[in-house]
Protein backbone atom coordinates (compact mmCIF):
# COMPACT_ATOMS: atom_id res chain seq x y z
CA UNK A 1 14.62 13.93 48.19
CA UNK A 2 13.53 12.04 51.30
CA UNK A 3 12.07 8.64 50.57
CA UNK A 4 10.70 5.72 52.51
CA UNK A 5 11.05 1.98 51.97
CA UNK A 6 10.35 -1.35 53.59
CA UNK A 7 12.07 -4.70 53.18
CA UNK A 8 10.33 -5.50 49.93
CA UNK A 9 9.76 -2.25 48.08
CA UNK A 10 11.71 0.85 47.22
CA UNK A 11 10.18 4.02 45.89
CA UNK A 12 11.98 6.87 44.21
CA UNK A 13 11.22 9.82 41.96
CA UNK A 14 12.61 10.93 38.61
CA UNK A 15 11.85 14.43 37.41
CA UNK A 16 11.04 14.79 33.76
CA UNK A 17 9.87 17.61 31.52
CA UNK A 18 6.25 17.53 30.39
CA UNK A 19 5.67 17.29 26.64
CA UNK A 20 4.16 20.33 24.89
CA UNK A 21 0.83 21.24 26.44
CA UNK A 22 -2.16 20.13 24.36
CA UNK A 23 -5.69 21.51 24.36
CA UNK A 24 -6.69 18.73 26.78
CA UNK A 25 -3.96 19.61 29.29
CA UNK A 26 -4.39 22.17 32.07
CA UNK A 27 -2.48 25.30 31.06
CA UNK A 28 -0.75 25.61 34.44
CA UNK A 29 0.42 22.02 34.45
CA UNK A 30 3.99 22.38 33.24
CA UNK A 31 5.67 19.83 35.49
CA UNK A 32 5.06 16.24 36.33
CA UNK A 33 6.78 13.48 38.23
CA UNK A 34 7.05 9.88 37.11
CA UNK A 35 6.67 7.43 39.97
CA UNK A 36 8.34 4.02 39.94
CA UNK A 37 8.10 1.03 42.27
CA UNK A 38 9.47 -2.47 42.01
CA UNK A 39 6.06 -4.15 41.87
CA UNK A 40 3.69 -1.53 40.47
CA UNK A 41 5.31 -0.33 37.27
CA UNK A 42 5.42 3.34 36.20
CA UNK A 43 2.55 5.65 37.08
CA UNK A 44 2.42 9.31 36.14
CA UNK A 45 1.61 11.77 38.89
CA UNK A 46 0.85 15.37 38.07
CA UNK A 47 2.51 18.11 40.10
CA UNK A 48 1.21 21.50 39.03
CA UNK A 49 3.09 24.76 39.31
CA UNK A 50 0.29 26.53 41.16
CA UNK A 51 -1.13 25.18 44.41
CA UNK A 52 0.25 21.72 44.94
CA UNK A 53 -2.25 19.18 43.59
CA UNK A 54 -1.07 15.59 43.80
CA UNK A 55 -3.17 12.97 42.07
CA UNK A 56 -2.10 9.33 42.01
CA UNK A 57 -3.70 7.02 39.51
CA UNK A 58 -4.61 4.10 41.73
CA UNK A 59 -7.12 5.89 43.97
CA UNK A 60 -7.67 9.19 42.16
CA UNK A 61 -7.19 11.11 45.43
CA UNK A 62 -5.98 14.68 45.57
CA UNK A 63 -4.15 16.01 48.61
CA UNK A 64 -2.74 19.41 49.61
CA UNK A 65 -0.37 20.21 52.43
CA UNK A 66 0.89 23.79 52.61
CA UNK A 67 2.51 23.81 49.18
CA UNK A 68 4.12 20.41 49.68
CA UNK A 69 3.03 17.24 47.91
CA UNK A 70 2.44 14.18 50.05
CA UNK A 71 1.74 10.71 48.72
CA UNK A 72 -0.04 8.17 50.86
CA UNK A 73 -2.97 5.83 50.47
CA UNK A 74 -2.91 2.37 49.04
CA UNK A 75 0.68 1.80 50.22
CA UNK A 76 0.22 2.81 53.82
CA UNK A 77 3.83 2.84 54.98
CA UNK A 78 5.13 5.00 52.15
CA UNK A 79 5.37 8.72 52.74
CA UNK A 80 7.10 10.87 50.13
CA UNK A 81 7.42 14.60 50.37
CA UNK A 82 8.25 16.79 47.36
CA UNK A 83 8.77 20.53 47.59
CA UNK A 84 7.88 22.20 44.31
CA UNK A 85 10.63 24.79 44.65
CA UNK A 86 13.16 21.97 44.68
CA UNK A 87 11.92 20.39 41.46
CA UNK A 88 14.43 20.70 38.63
CA UNK A 89 13.49 19.38 35.21
CA UNK A 90 16.41 17.65 33.58
CA UNK A 91 15.27 14.78 31.36
CA UNK A 92 13.02 15.02 28.32
CA UNK A 93 10.50 12.40 27.24
CA UNK A 94 11.91 9.88 24.77
CA UNK A 95 11.24 10.88 21.17
CA UNK A 96 9.95 8.40 18.58
CA UNK A 97 11.50 8.52 15.11
CA UNK A 98 9.96 6.80 12.08
CA UNK A 99 12.83 5.98 9.73
CA UNK A 100 10.65 5.59 6.65
CA UNK A 101 9.51 7.77 3.77
CA UNK A 102 6.35 5.68 3.36
CA UNK A 103 3.20 7.80 3.79
CA UNK A 104 1.33 4.59 4.60
CA UNK A 105 3.52 3.78 7.60
CA UNK A 106 3.17 7.36 8.76
CA UNK A 107 -0.62 7.02 8.61
CA UNK A 108 -0.55 3.72 10.49
CA UNK A 109 1.56 5.05 13.36
CA UNK A 110 -0.74 8.05 13.61
CA UNK A 111 -3.72 5.70 13.63
CA UNK A 112 -2.63 4.17 16.96
CA UNK A 113 -2.02 7.57 18.51
CA UNK A 114 1.79 7.70 18.56
CA UNK A 115 3.48 11.09 18.31
CA UNK A 116 6.61 10.84 16.20
CA UNK A 117 8.98 12.54 13.81
CA UNK A 118 9.76 11.24 10.31
CA UNK A 119 13.42 10.88 9.32
CA UNK A 120 13.65 8.58 6.33
CA UNK A 121 17.43 8.30 6.10
CA UNK A 122 19.21 7.28 2.92
CA UNK A 123 19.37 3.49 3.02
CA UNK A 124 18.53 1.67 -0.22
CA UNK A 125 17.23 -1.87 0.34
CA UNK A 126 18.89 -4.71 -1.56
CA UNK A 127 16.63 -7.71 -2.16
CA UNK A 128 19.47 -9.67 -3.76
CA UNK A 129 21.18 -10.39 -0.43
CA UNK A 130 21.49 -14.14 0.17
CA UNK A 131 19.28 -14.37 3.25
CA UNK A 132 16.06 -16.21 4.00
CA UNK A 133 13.00 -13.95 3.48
CA UNK A 134 12.24 -13.37 7.17
CA UNK A 135 15.90 -12.76 8.01
CA UNK A 136 16.24 -10.45 5.02
CA UNK A 137 13.20 -8.40 6.05
CA UNK A 138 14.59 -7.93 9.58
CA UNK A 139 18.07 -7.14 8.25
CA UNK A 140 16.77 -4.45 5.89
CA UNK A 141 14.66 -2.87 8.63
CA UNK A 142 17.60 -2.82 11.05
CA UNK A 143 19.85 -1.23 8.43
CA UNK A 144 17.24 1.44 7.72
CA UNK A 145 16.96 2.27 11.42
CA UNK A 146 20.74 2.32 11.78
CA UNK A 147 21.15 5.05 9.18
CA UNK A 148 19.38 7.63 11.37
CA UNK A 149 20.28 6.45 14.90
CA UNK A 150 23.46 8.53 15.10
CA UNK A 151 21.41 11.73 14.87
CA UNK A 152 19.57 11.15 18.16
CA UNK A 153 20.96 10.70 21.67
CA UNK A 154 17.78 9.52 23.37
CA UNK A 155 15.10 8.29 20.97
CA UNK A 156 13.29 5.19 19.78
CA UNK A 157 13.85 4.65 16.07
CA UNK A 158 11.34 2.51 14.16
CA UNK A 159 12.00 1.23 10.64
CA UNK A 160 10.36 -1.38 8.43
CA UNK A 161 10.64 -3.06 5.05
CA UNK A 162 7.98 -4.95 3.10
CA UNK A 163 8.25 -7.25 0.09
CA UNK A 164 6.38 -10.07 -1.64
CA UNK A 165 7.41 -13.72 -1.78
CA UNK A 166 5.99 -15.74 -4.68
CA UNK A 167 7.33 -19.21 -5.46
CA UNK A 168 10.65 -18.41 -3.76
CA UNK A 169 11.01 -15.22 -5.75
CA UNK A 170 11.12 -11.82 -4.04
CA UNK A 171 9.12 -8.94 -5.49
CA UNK A 172 9.73 -5.36 -4.42
CA UNK A 173 8.27 -2.11 -5.73
CA UNK A 174 7.78 -1.50 -9.46
CA UNK A 175 9.01 1.84 -10.78
CA UNK A 176 7.35 1.75 -14.19
CA UNK A 177 3.93 0.75 -15.53
CA UNK A 178 5.54 -2.13 -17.44
CA UNK A 179 7.11 -3.54 -14.26
CA UNK A 180 3.82 -3.20 -12.41
CA UNK A 181 1.90 -5.03 -15.15
CA UNK A 182 4.42 -7.90 -15.14
CA UNK A 183 4.15 -8.30 -11.36
CA UNK A 184 0.36 -8.24 -11.38
CA UNK A 185 0.23 -10.80 -14.22
CA UNK A 186 2.57 -13.03 -12.23
CA UNK A 187 0.36 -12.91 -9.12
CA UNK A 188 -2.96 -12.99 -11.01
CA UNK A 189 -5.33 -15.65 -9.62
CA UNK A 190 -2.71 -17.04 -7.24
CA UNK A 191 -1.59 -16.77 -3.60
CA UNK A 192 1.55 -15.01 -2.38
CA UNK A 193 3.08 -14.01 0.94
CA UNK A 194 3.65 -10.47 2.19
CA UNK A 195 6.53 -10.21 4.66
CA UNK A 196 7.25 -7.09 6.68
CA UNK A 197 10.29 -6.85 8.89
CA UNK A 198 10.56 -4.06 11.43
CA UNK A 199 13.20 -2.90 13.90
CA UNK A 200 13.07 -0.74 17.01
CA UNK A 201 16.28 0.77 18.40
CA UNK A 202 16.76 2.72 21.63
CA UNK A 203 19.57 5.13 20.79
CA UNK A 204 20.30 5.84 24.46
CA UNK A 205 20.99 2.21 25.44
CA UNK A 206 21.68 0.57 22.10
CA UNK A 207 18.93 -1.98 22.75
CA UNK A 208 17.32 -3.23 19.54
CA UNK A 209 14.57 -5.69 18.66
CA UNK A 210 13.66 -6.99 15.21
CA UNK A 211 10.57 -8.91 14.19
CA UNK A 212 9.03 -10.14 10.93
CA UNK A 213 5.40 -10.90 10.15
CA UNK A 214 3.90 -12.90 7.27
CA UNK A 215 0.45 -12.51 5.71
CA UNK A 216 -0.86 -14.73 2.93
CA UNK A 217 -2.83 -12.96 0.17
CA UNK A 218 -4.93 -14.45 -2.64
CA UNK A 219 -5.66 -12.53 -5.86
CA UNK A 220 -8.84 -13.19 -7.78
CA UNK A 221 -8.48 -14.10 -11.44
CA UNK A 222 -8.51 -10.92 -13.53
CA UNK A 223 -8.63 -10.26 -17.24
CA UNK A 224 -5.83 -8.47 -19.05
CA UNK A 225 -8.13 -5.46 -19.41
CA UNK A 226 -8.66 -5.28 -15.67
CA UNK A 227 -4.93 -5.49 -14.98
CA UNK A 228 -4.19 -2.68 -17.40
CA UNK A 229 -7.02 -0.55 -16.00
CA UNK A 230 -5.58 -0.94 -12.50
CA UNK A 231 -2.10 -0.01 -13.67
CA UNK A 232 -3.50 3.12 -15.33
CA UNK A 233 -4.74 4.34 -11.93
CA UNK A 234 -1.09 4.88 -10.99
CA UNK A 235 -1.61 3.15 -7.66
CA UNK A 236 0.70 0.15 -8.28
CA UNK A 237 3.82 2.29 -8.57
CA UNK A 238 6.10 2.22 -5.55
CA UNK A 239 3.98 -0.45 -3.80
CA UNK A 240 5.40 -3.86 -2.89
CA UNK A 241 3.88 -6.37 -5.32
CA UNK A 242 2.35 -3.54 -7.39
CA UNK A 243 -0.87 -3.17 -5.40
CA UNK A 244 -2.32 -1.29 -2.42
CA UNK A 245 -4.81 -3.39 -0.48
CA UNK A 246 -6.15 -0.27 1.28
CA UNK A 247 -7.00 1.38 -2.04
CA UNK A 248 -8.17 0.27 -5.49
CA UNK A 249 -6.09 -2.84 -4.95
CA UNK A 250 -8.79 -4.10 -2.62
CA UNK A 251 -10.79 -4.94 -5.77
CA UNK A 252 -8.22 -7.51 -6.88
CA UNK A 253 -7.70 -9.21 -3.51
CA UNK A 254 -9.90 -12.27 -2.95
CA UNK A 255 -8.94 -12.98 0.68
CA UNK A 256 -6.07 -12.80 3.17
CA UNK A 257 -4.81 -14.91 6.05
CA UNK A 258 -2.98 -12.85 8.69
CA UNK A 259 -2.48 -9.23 9.67
CA UNK A 260 -4.18 -6.80 7.27
CA UNK A 261 -1.96 -3.89 8.34
CA UNK A 262 1.10 -6.01 7.61
CA UNK A 263 0.08 -5.98 3.94
CA UNK A 264 -0.09 -2.18 4.03
CA UNK A 265 3.41 -2.02 5.45
CA UNK A 266 3.43 -2.20 9.26
CA UNK A 267 2.02 -4.97 11.51
CA UNK A 268 0.49 -2.79 14.21
CA UNK A 269 -0.38 -5.50 16.74
CA UNK A 270 3.11 -6.98 16.68
CA UNK A 271 4.73 -3.54 16.79
CA UNK A 272 2.65 -2.50 19.81
CA UNK A 273 3.78 -5.62 21.68
CA UNK A 274 7.41 -4.83 20.84
CA UNK A 275 7.09 -1.21 21.95
CA UNK A 276 6.00 -2.44 25.39
CA UNK A 277 9.50 -3.90 25.75
CA UNK A 278 10.76 -0.32 25.48
CA UNK A 279 8.28 1.11 27.98
CA UNK A 280 5.83 2.45 25.38
CA UNK A 281 2.23 1.33 25.93
CA UNK A 282 -0.19 2.00 23.09
CA UNK A 283 -3.15 0.76 25.16
């Protein structure tokens, strides 16, 4: 395609396939072009299959020119012409894969509006590895992500692992009521740390980033009856530290210092900042 440039900027176009049309998307809008420049960052410009309607985000203008799209405006010297009959869609939007079986992490990713596929993989975390807690959390998350990466040629894989640190002892998920009761009795009336490690891997480039986040949680002092009543709810099973702060477990938490969503299993603010490094903007 013809393109214009000056001494400081270069503009070019990459054709990509539009994701499945939603109820908010114009039915005839089945193609779009992603526009890049060295100093502006990516901007999406719609190119519809009917009469050529070109709308750029900076000014909101729409222009028509005999079936050919022309971009001009805030960058006066740039003129780019695209003929719709020359557009060939060849690259699909990058898919996001959540490598976790946790329904809570699925809910959290949905909460911030990400569209993703769940592929839990088969990795079994090992808390006995001789690593410092933060390094261990990141290692486990990276291993989880690595078990599903080979299935996807061009995707972002997200994985995470959460555990409790109490007096240099690591606590994972109880699998029986007896285990849950022992964990809760251990933490009763005291403070502990919740550490979540997460990893993001771009399967197309091999780029990966790992982070870990710590939140301090205080339990109120509970009676033996209260502990047993909470265990009978069934909620403590398969939860790190034997409680769910977003559920009935909120009744046993006195206060926290740090990211609330980290205690649930995924530090959303930190993850959103990391996703920006991969070109995904949540806001």
